[in-house]
Structures are given as structure tokens and as C-alpha cells.
Amino acid sequence: MNLGEYFELLINDYTLRTITLGTAVLGAICGMLGSFAVLRKQSLLGDAISHAALPGIALAFLITGVKDSNVLLLGALVSGLIGAFWIRGITTKTHLKSDTALGLVLSLFFGLGMLLLTYIQKQPNANQAGLDKYLFGQAATLVVQDVWIMVIVTAISLVIVLLFWKEFKLLLFDADYTKTLGFNTRFIDNLITFFIVLAIVIGLQTVGVVLMSAMLLAPAAAARQWTNRLSVMIGLAALFGAFSGVFGTAISATQRNLSTGPVIVLVASVFVLFSFLFSPGRGLVFRHLRFRKNRRELELKKTLYFMYNIAKDHEEISHPHAVKILNNFHGFTRATLQQLVDKDWVILDGSMWAITPKGYKEAQNLYSQNT
């Protein structure tokens, strides 16, 4: 299937349109809320919570006996919140670090979830088939009701972010100062955590437990490379997440035997890689170019300073901005001297050179800085 056929199918096919809209909305909310996880240095929180949600799905099925996605995701939400608050309890009540708490909760809950899934699969009940889709995701099972839930959650999250914008911003960058201003930091922190858990839970059906943390963090990590402003970062992260969902769905739909969830994560990873390489402020390519430029600028100024030291030790003539031409300067390459000429710091005439008034002034500034 080529792109033209894909866009025609997108307009006419109800299922593909629903999946594309669902993954776009999921990417947007994950990017928006994932920004808070990245800035709070809780990148592994998404991984721990997504794995902690698995036993909730299994227990919800065991209790109700039905595979209704709303019921299963409600169980995942409860289990994910328990896991999140266990992590906080471990870090605040013990001497263990947050990475240890995340690893403990992740392994404990995921092990329990796999045990319950194995138990369910061995039950003489054909209704349990398909629960394993929550491990790796299955976007094809999305229906309009699921998309509406995503839209509602995204809208509520956006309203909460706007209402508590000042408090969230203060807590992210200076929690102690936030507390001194009289804000309830525990409530604000719990509010952020709750919506992060909610975003993870609604994405389990599409991306799955294993890859959900990448969906949460990749758009935010990419956006962080482009800006230092929180509002811009959240907007870019939502945009990157939405595009990842749309492009991932398009690639999966146009190629056979490609699962949608992993493709979406790979597309999000491409955004991250591109941002790491080419973002103007932090990108590796531009950083390397700036380093080379600064090193070359330093070499030029060293050359000019050396020439100035030669010039000032020789006979001066009456004009204060003129320096007598000296012969046979061999200290640096011809290319370096030509760049000095391009900057109007030096005049070249064959093997003869002279410092211009502009270069003389620049050299004097260098001289004053070194004395």
C-alpha cells in the first residue's frame, strides 16, 4: 500500500481512522505529562507504573470474569496508583534511593502480574483469550469509546495543568521554595503522579506494558533538547507524541506484519535521535560545530596576538593606528592569515603583512585581558 492509498483508506475506513485518532491523542497526552516525569528526574517511573498496572488488569478480570476494557483499565489504574505510592513510601520511610524503590516495585508487581496471567490462561474458560495484548499492545482493538476516553482524559489533564500551572512550575524547579510559600506540595505532587499514572493506563491497550514507558518519555526527551521553557517543552512534547502516533500508525498500516505499538515507539525514538543530533542549543552536531568554530576563533586570536607582540617591539611610526610592515612572517599557515584578512584584522601583500586599525584595536583588547 502506498501513501496515496493510505490517505484514501484513512478517509473511508472507520477502523483506521479510529486507530489513527486514538494513537495521536495518546501521543499528545503522553508527551504533555511525560514532560513532568522527565523534569522531575523520574524517567523510570513510567516503566515501574506500567509494569505495576499488570496485576490490576489480571485481578479485574478474575473478579468480574469479563474482558471489558474499561473494567480492566480501572483495575490497572488502581494497581498503578498503589505501585506509585509504594515507590514514594519506600523512598520516604526507608534509606533506599528512588532507583532501588522503582526496581523493587517494577519487579514485584510485574512478577505478580505474570503469575496471575499464567493462572488465568490455565483456567477452563475461553473468555480469557487476548489478555496478553496488554503486554505488547494491540492498537487494532481500539474503538470509538476508547478514543473518547482518551480525549476526555487529555482535556481534563490540560485543564488541570492550566489551573495549577504556577504550582506545578514551582514544584518542578524548587520544591523547598514552593513549600515556604505555603503551597501543599504533597497534594501537588500527588496530582502530577495521578495524571501520569492515568496517561500510562489509557495507553496500555495501544502500546502495552513493556513499551509504555518509552511512549511516555521519548516525546518529552526530544522536546527538552529544543527549549528551556516549560510551556514550549510541553507543547513540543505533545506535538512529537501526536506525530509519532500518526506516523507509526501510517507505517504499520502500509506495511504487512508490523505491530502498531512498537512502530509508534520507534518513530518516537527517531524524533529523539534527530533532536539529540540537530537541535540548535543542545544537538551534538551543532555543539561540535560550535566547538570547532570557537577553537578556530581562538587560533586566530592567538595568531593576531603573536603578530601584535612582534609589531609592538619594532619601530613605531607617527600614525597611532598604523604598524610598520614586517617581512617573512612564518609563524602560522597561510590559511590562518587569510582568515585574519577576511576579518579585516590584517593586510597581506605577498610575504608582507600589516595589522589594520581594526586588528590593532582587537589585539590591544587581547593584550589588556592578558596583563
Protein backbone atom coordinates (compact mmCIF):
# COMPACT_ATOMS: atom_id res chain seq x y z
CA MET A 1 0.00 0.00 0.00
CA ASN A 2 1.43 3.41 -0.98
CA LEU A 3 0.79 6.69 0.82
CA GLY A 4 -1.93 7.74 -1.61
CA GLU A 5 -3.87 4.57 -0.96
CA TYR A 6 -3.27 5.00 2.76
CA PHE A 7 -4.78 8.50 2.85
CA GLU A 8 -7.74 7.33 0.80
CA LEU A 9 -8.22 4.45 3.21
CA LEU A 10 -7.85 6.82 6.16
CA ILE A 11 -10.80 8.85 4.90
CA ASN A 12 -13.00 5.89 4.07
CA ASP A 13 -12.03 3.25 6.62
CA TYR A 14 -13.67 3.64 10.02
CA THR A 15 -11.23 1.36 11.86
CA LEU A 16 -8.06 3.00 10.55
CA ARG A 17 -9.46 6.46 11.24
CA THR A 18 -10.29 5.46 14.81
CA ILE A 19 -6.85 3.95 15.42
CA THR A 20 -5.04 6.96 13.97
CA LEU A 21 -7.03 9.41 16.06
CA GLY A 22 -6.54 7.27 19.17
CA THR A 23 -2.77 6.99 18.78
CA ALA A 24 -2.47 10.72 18.05
CA VAL A 25 -4.39 11.64 21.20
CA LEU A 26 -2.41 9.09 23.23
CA GLY A 27 0.87 10.50 21.95
CA ALA A 28 -0.22 14.04 22.82
CA ILE A 29 -1.19 13.28 26.41
CA CYS A 30 1.89 11.11 26.96
CA GLY A 31 4.14 13.87 25.67
CA MET A 32 2.44 16.50 27.80
CA LEU A 33 2.52 14.55 31.07
CA GLY A 34 5.80 12.83 30.31
CA SER A 35 7.45 16.26 30.40
CA PHE A 36 6.78 16.44 34.12
CA ALA A 37 8.28 12.97 34.68
CA VAL A 38 11.42 13.92 32.73
CA LEU A 39 11.89 17.25 34.53
CA ARG A 40 11.29 15.60 37.91
CA LYS A 41 14.09 13.13 37.07
CA GLN A 42 11.64 10.25 37.37
CA SER A 43 12.17 8.73 33.96
CA LEU A 44 11.91 5.18 35.31
CA LEU A 45 8.60 6.00 36.99
CA GLY A 46 6.71 5.31 33.76
CA ASP A 47 8.36 1.92 33.40
CA ALA A 48 7.57 0.97 37.00
CA ILE A 49 3.95 2.12 36.85
CA SER A 50 3.23 0.44 33.51
CA HIS A 51 4.51 -2.86 34.90
CA ALA A 52 2.70 -2.26 38.20
CA ALA A 53 -0.59 -1.96 36.28
CA LEU A 54 -0.42 -5.55 35.02
CA PRO A 55 -1.67 -7.33 38.18
CA GLY A 56 -4.57 -4.86 38.32
CA ILE A 57 -5.68 -5.97 34.85
CA ALA A 58 -5.46 -9.63 35.85
CA LEU A 59 -7.29 -9.12 39.15
CA ALA A 60 -10.03 -7.08 37.47
CA PHE A 61 -10.63 -9.98 35.08
CA LEU A 62 -10.60 -12.56 37.88
CA ILE A 63 -13.12 -10.56 39.92
CA THR A 64 -15.52 -9.66 37.10
CA GLY A 65 -14.91 -12.52 34.66
CA VAL A 66 -15.30 -10.16 31.66
CA LYS A 67 -12.80 -8.56 29.28
CA ASP A 68 -14.43 -5.16 29.22
CA SER A 69 -11.59 -2.70 28.54
CA ASN A 70 -13.00 -0.07 30.89
CA VAL A 71 -13.12 -2.52 33.80
CA LEU A 72 -9.63 -3.85 33.07
CA LEU A 73 -8.15 -0.36 32.78
CA LEU A 74 -9.84 0.65 36.02
CA GLY A 75 -8.07 -2.26 37.68
CA ALA A 76 -4.83 -1.14 36.04
CA LEU A 77 -5.35 2.39 37.36
CA VAL A 78 -5.83 1.19 40.94
CA SER A 79 -2.82 -1.11 40.72
CA GLY A 80 -0.68 1.60 39.11
CA LEU A 81 -1.57 4.12 41.81
CA ILE A 82 -0.73 1.59 44.52
CA GLY A 83 2.62 0.99 42.86
CA ALA A 84 3.31 4.74 42.59
CA PHE A 85 2.57 5.36 46.25
CA TRP A 86 4.58 2.32 47.28
CA ILE A 87 7.54 3.85 45.49
CA ARG A 88 7.08 7.10 47.38
CA GLY A 89 6.60 5.27 50.66
CA ILE A 90 9.80 3.28 50.19
CA THR A 91 11.86 6.38 49.41
CA THR A 92 10.42 8.49 52.27
CA LYS A 93 10.20 5.84 55.01
CA THR A 94 13.47 3.99 54.35
CA HIS A 95 17.04 4.87 53.40
CA LEU A 96 16.67 3.36 49.95
CA LYS A 97 17.18 5.50 46.85
CA SER A 98 14.42 6.10 44.31
CA ASP A 99 16.02 3.85 41.67
CA THR A 100 16.01 0.96 44.15
CA ALA A 101 12.36 1.60 45.00
CA LEU A 102 11.44 1.72 41.31
CA GLY A 103 13.24 -1.55 40.63
CA LEU A 104 11.61 -3.28 43.57
CA VAL A 105 8.08 -2.20 42.69
CA LEU A 106 8.57 -2.95 39.00
CA SER A 107 9.85 -6.48 39.55
CA LEU A 108 7.38 -7.30 42.33
CA PHE A 109 4.25 -6.12 40.52
CA PHE A 110 5.31 -7.44 37.13
CA GLY A 111 6.13 -10.82 38.62
CA LEU A 112 2.72 -10.91 40.33
CA GLY A 113 1.01 -9.87 37.09
CA MET A 114 2.71 -12.60 35.07
CA LEU A 115 1.81 -15.14 37.74
CA LEU A 116 -1.85 -14.12 37.62
CA LEU A 117 -1.90 -14.15 33.79
CA THR A 118 -0.42 -17.65 33.79
CA TYR A 119 -3.06 -18.74 36.28
CA ILE A 120 -5.83 -17.18 34.15
CA GLN A 121 -4.57 -18.84 30.96
CA LYS A 122 -4.80 -22.26 32.61
CA GLN A 123 -8.42 -21.78 33.63
CA PRO A 124 -11.06 -23.73 31.62
CA ASN A 125 -12.60 -20.54 30.33
CA ALA A 126 -12.27 -19.40 26.73
CA ASN A 127 -13.06 -15.83 27.73
CA GLN A 128 -9.51 -15.22 28.98
CA ALA A 129 -8.02 -15.24 25.48
CA GLY A 130 -6.49 -11.92 24.45
CA LEU A 131 -5.44 -10.62 27.86
CA ASP A 132 -1.80 -10.88 26.79
CA LYS A 133 -2.40 -7.96 24.38
CA TYR A 134 -1.81 -5.66 27.35
CA LEU A 135 1.81 -6.83 27.45
CA PHE A 136 2.73 -5.57 23.97
CA GLY A 137 -0.37 -3.61 22.98
CA GLN A 138 -2.82 -4.09 20.15
CA ALA A 139 -3.96 -0.82 18.62
CA ALA A 140 -6.33 -2.62 16.27
CA THR A 141 -8.67 -3.26 19.21
CA LEU A 142 -9.31 0.46 19.75
CA VAL A 143 -12.92 1.55 19.31
CA VAL A 144 -14.53 4.97 19.34
CA GLN A 145 -15.39 4.63 23.02
CA ASP A 146 -11.70 4.16 23.85
CA VAL A 147 -10.77 7.22 21.81
CA TRP A 148 -13.39 9.30 23.57
CA ILE A 149 -11.95 8.24 26.93
CA MET A 150 -8.52 9.34 25.74
CA VAL A 151 -9.89 12.68 24.57
CA ILE A 152 -11.71 13.27 27.86
CA VAL A 153 -8.62 12.37 29.92
CA THR A 154 -6.46 14.62 27.74
CA ALA A 155 -8.91 17.53 28.13
CA ILE A 156 -9.09 17.08 31.90
CA SER A 157 -5.29 16.85 32.12
CA LEU A 158 -4.90 20.04 30.10
CA VAL A 159 -7.39 21.88 32.32
CA ILE A 160 -5.58 20.70 35.48
CA VAL A 161 -2.20 21.73 34.06
CA LEU A 162 -3.53 25.20 33.25
CA LEU A 163 -5.25 25.60 36.62
CA PHE A 164 -2.17 24.53 38.61
CA TRP A 165 0.43 25.86 36.19
CA LYS A 166 2.20 28.10 38.70
CA GLU A 167 2.23 25.41 41.39
CA PHE A 168 3.50 22.71 39.02
CA LYS A 169 6.22 25.00 37.72
CA LEU A 170 7.40 25.97 41.20
CA LEU A 171 7.40 22.36 42.39
CA LEU A 172 9.40 21.18 39.40
CA PHE A 173 12.23 23.66 39.83
CA ASP A 174 12.29 24.44 43.56
CA ALA A 175 10.21 22.23 45.86
CA ASP A 176 11.59 23.80 49.05
CA TYR A 177 10.70 27.31 47.91
CA THR A 178 7.21 26.08 46.97
CA LYS A 179 6.75 24.79 50.50
CA THR A 180 7.91 28.07 52.05
CA LEU A 181 5.26 29.91 50.02
CA GLY A 182 2.60 27.87 51.78
CA PHE A 183 1.61 25.56 48.92
CA ASN A 184 0.59 21.99 49.71
CA THR A 185 3.47 20.28 47.92
CA ARG A 186 2.23 16.77 48.74
CA PHE A 187 -1.13 17.45 47.08
CA ILE A 188 0.52 18.97 44.01
CA ASP A 189 2.96 16.07 43.74
CA ASN A 190 0.15 13.53 44.12
CA LEU A 191 -1.86 15.34 41.45
CA ILE A 192 1.00 15.14 38.95
CA THR A 193 1.59 11.47 39.79
CA PHE A 194 -2.09 10.62 39.41
CA PHE A 195 -2.32 12.04 35.89
CA ILE A 196 0.95 10.40 34.86
CA VAL A 197 -0.47 7.06 36.03
CA LEU A 198 -3.72 7.82 34.18
CA ALA A 199 -1.86 8.56 30.94
CA ILE A 200 0.08 5.30 31.25
CA VAL A 201 -3.03 3.25 31.94
CA ILE A 202 -5.01 4.52 28.95
CA GLY A 203 -2.04 3.70 26.70
CA LEU A 204 -1.65 0.08 27.79
CA GLN A 205 -4.21 -1.19 25.30
CA THR A 206 -2.41 0.54 22.42
CA VAL A 207 1.30 0.27 23.26
CA GLY A 208 1.42 -2.32 26.02
CA VAL A 209 3.11 -2.66 29.40
CA VAL A 210 6.59 -3.27 28.00
CA LEU A 211 6.80 -0.21 25.71
CA MET A 212 4.57 2.27 27.52
CA SER A 213 7.42 3.98 29.36
CA ALA A 214 9.09 4.81 26.01
CA MET A 215 5.85 6.35 24.78
CA LEU A 216 5.73 8.50 27.91
CA LEU A 217 9.34 9.64 27.90
CA ALA A 218 10.54 9.77 24.28
CA PRO A 219 8.50 12.82 23.14
CA ALA A 220 9.43 14.72 26.30
CA ALA A 221 13.12 13.84 25.95
CA ALA A 222 13.06 15.04 22.33
CA ALA A 223 11.28 18.28 23.24
CA ARG A 224 13.76 19.01 26.06
CA GLN A 225 16.56 19.36 23.52
CA TRP A 226 14.86 22.27 21.75
CA THR A 227 13.94 24.66 24.56
CA ASN A 228 14.46 25.74 28.16
CA ARG A 229 10.88 26.99 28.61
CA LEU A 230 8.42 24.63 30.27
CA SER A 231 5.41 25.76 28.23
CA VAL A 232 7.26 25.32 24.93
CA MET A 233 8.60 21.95 26.02
CA ILE A 234 5.13 20.64 26.90
CA GLY A 235 3.74 21.87 23.58
CA LEU A 236 6.57 20.33 21.57
CA ALA A 237 6.35 17.06 23.50
CA ALA A 238 2.61 16.82 22.80
CA LEU A 239 3.28 17.57 19.13
CA PHE A 240 6.07 14.98 18.87
CA GLY A 241 3.90 12.40 20.62
CA ALA A 242 0.93 13.05 18.33
CA PHE A 243 3.09 12.84 15.19
CA SER A 244 4.67 9.63 16.49
CA GLY A 245 1.21 8.11 16.85
CA VAL A 246 0.07 9.22 13.40
CA PHE A 247 3.27 8.26 11.55
CA GLY A 248 3.60 4.99 13.44
CA THR A 249 0.04 4.04 12.57
CA ALA A 250 0.61 5.01 8.92
CA ILE A 251 3.76 2.88 8.64
CA SER A 252 2.08 -0.05 10.35
CA ALA A 253 -0.95 0.22 8.06
CA THR A 254 1.08 0.45 4.85
CA GLN A 255 3.36 -2.49 5.67
CA ARG A 256 2.35 -6.03 6.45
CA ASN A 257 3.10 -7.81 9.71
CA LEU A 258 4.13 -4.67 11.62
CA SER A 259 2.63 -4.18 15.05
CA THR A 260 1.41 -0.63 15.62
CA GLY A 261 2.68 -0.10 19.18
CA PRO A 262 6.36 -0.93 18.54
CA VAL A 263 6.35 1.11 15.32
CA ILE A 264 4.98 4.15 17.19
CA VAL A 265 7.76 3.81 19.78
CA LEU A 266 10.38 3.53 17.01
CA VAL A 267 9.05 6.67 15.33
CA ALA A 268 9.20 8.48 18.68
CA SER A 269 12.79 7.26 19.02
CA VAL A 270 13.59 8.80 15.63
CA PHE A 271 12.34 12.15 16.97
CA VAL A 272 14.64 11.69 19.98
CA LEU A 273 17.64 10.80 17.84
CA PHE A 274 17.05 13.72 15.47
CA SER A 275 16.70 16.10 18.41
CA PHE A 276 19.87 14.81 20.09
CA LEU A 277 21.78 15.38 16.86
CA PHE A 278 20.33 18.53 15.30
CA SER A 279 18.66 20.71 17.94
CA PRO A 280 20.41 24.13 17.78
CA GLY A 281 21.02 24.51 21.51
CA ARG A 282 22.00 21.01 22.66
CA GLY A 283 22.37 18.94 19.49
CA LEU A 284 25.62 17.03 19.12
CA VAL A 285 26.17 18.25 15.56
CA PHE A 286 25.75 21.94 16.40
CA ARG A 287 27.75 21.50 19.61
CA HIS A 288 30.62 20.05 17.58
CA LEU A 289 30.35 22.88 15.04
CA ARG A 290 30.41 25.45 17.83
CA PHE A 291 33.42 23.76 19.36
CA ARG A 292 35.30 23.86 16.07
CA LYS A 293 34.30 27.46 15.49
CA ASN A 294 35.43 28.51 18.98
CA ARG A 295 38.70 26.63 18.60
CA ARG A 296 39.33 28.29 15.23
CA GLU A 297 38.47 31.69 16.69
CA LEU A 298 40.96 31.05 19.48
CA GLU A 299 43.65 30.13 16.95
CA LEU A 300 43.00 33.33 15.01
CA LYS A 301 43.22 35.49 18.11
CA LYS A 302 46.41 33.73 19.20
CA THR A 303 47.87 34.48 15.76
CA LEU A 304 46.81 38.11 15.94
CA TYR A 305 48.19 38.44 19.47
CA PHE A 306 51.50 36.94 18.38
CA MET A 307 51.71 39.33 15.43
CA TYR A 308 50.87 42.24 17.73
CA ASN A 309 53.73 41.29 20.06
CA ILE A 310 56.09 41.30 17.08
CA ALA A 311 54.77 44.63 15.84
CA LYS A 312 54.91 46.49 19.15
CA ASP A 313 58.56 45.57 19.66
CA HIS A 314 59.56 47.25 16.39
CA GLU A 315 59.91 50.83 15.34
CA GLU A 316 56.67 52.80 15.54
CA ILE A 317 55.65 55.43 13.02
CA SER A 318 53.68 58.57 13.72
CA HIS A 319 50.11 57.35 12.98
CA PRO A 320 48.76 55.77 16.21
CA HIS A 321 46.75 53.04 14.41
CA ALA A 322 49.49 52.03 11.97
CA VAL A 323 52.09 49.31 12.41
CA LYS A 324 55.22 49.04 10.29
CA ILE A 325 55.10 46.17 7.80
CA LEU A 326 57.31 43.27 8.86
CA ASN A 327 58.82 40.76 6.50
CA ASN A 328 58.81 36.98 6.34
CA PHE A 329 56.17 36.03 8.96
CA HIS A 330 56.24 32.22 9.12
CA GLY A 331 54.62 31.53 12.49
CA PHE A 332 51.21 30.34 11.15
CA THR A 333 49.68 28.91 7.99
CA ARG A 334 48.66 30.95 5.01
CA ALA A 335 45.02 29.88 5.57
CA THR A 336 45.07 31.38 9.06
CA LEU A 337 46.48 34.64 7.74
CA GLN A 338 43.81 34.71 5.04
CA GLN A 339 41.09 34.38 7.67
CA LEU A 340 42.64 37.31 9.52
CA VAL A 341 42.42 39.25 6.26
CA ASP A 342 38.75 38.26 5.89
CA LYS A 343 38.08 39.69 9.37
CA ASP A 344 39.88 42.90 8.34
CA TRP A 345 42.44 42.42 11.10
CA VAL A 346 45.48 42.04 8.82
CA ILE A 347 46.60 43.20 5.37
CA LEU A 348 48.66 40.83 3.23
CA ASP A 349 50.87 41.80 0.30
CA GLY A 350 52.86 38.81 -0.86
CA SER A 351 55.13 37.91 2.05
CA MET A 352 54.48 41.27 3.69
CA TRP A 353 51.80 41.84 6.33
CA ALA A 354 50.47 44.66 8.44
CA ILE A 355 47.88 44.87 11.21
CA THR A 356 44.87 47.06 10.33
CA PRO A 357 43.44 49.66 12.75
CA LYS A 358 40.59 47.22 13.50
CA GLY A 359 43.04 44.38 14.14
CA TYR A 360 45.24 46.68 16.20
CA LYS A 361 42.28 47.54 18.42
CA GLU A 362 41.31 43.87 18.79
CA ALA A 363 44.89 42.95 19.64
CA GLN A 364 45.08 45.70 22.26
CA ASN A 365 41.92 44.27 23.88
CA LEU A 366 43.55 40.84 23.95
CA TYR A 367 46.70 42.33 25.38
CA SER A 368 44.80 44.11 28.15
CA GLN A 369 42.98 40.88 29.06
CA ASN A 370 46.29 39.01 29.39
CA THR A 371 48.00 41.62 31.54
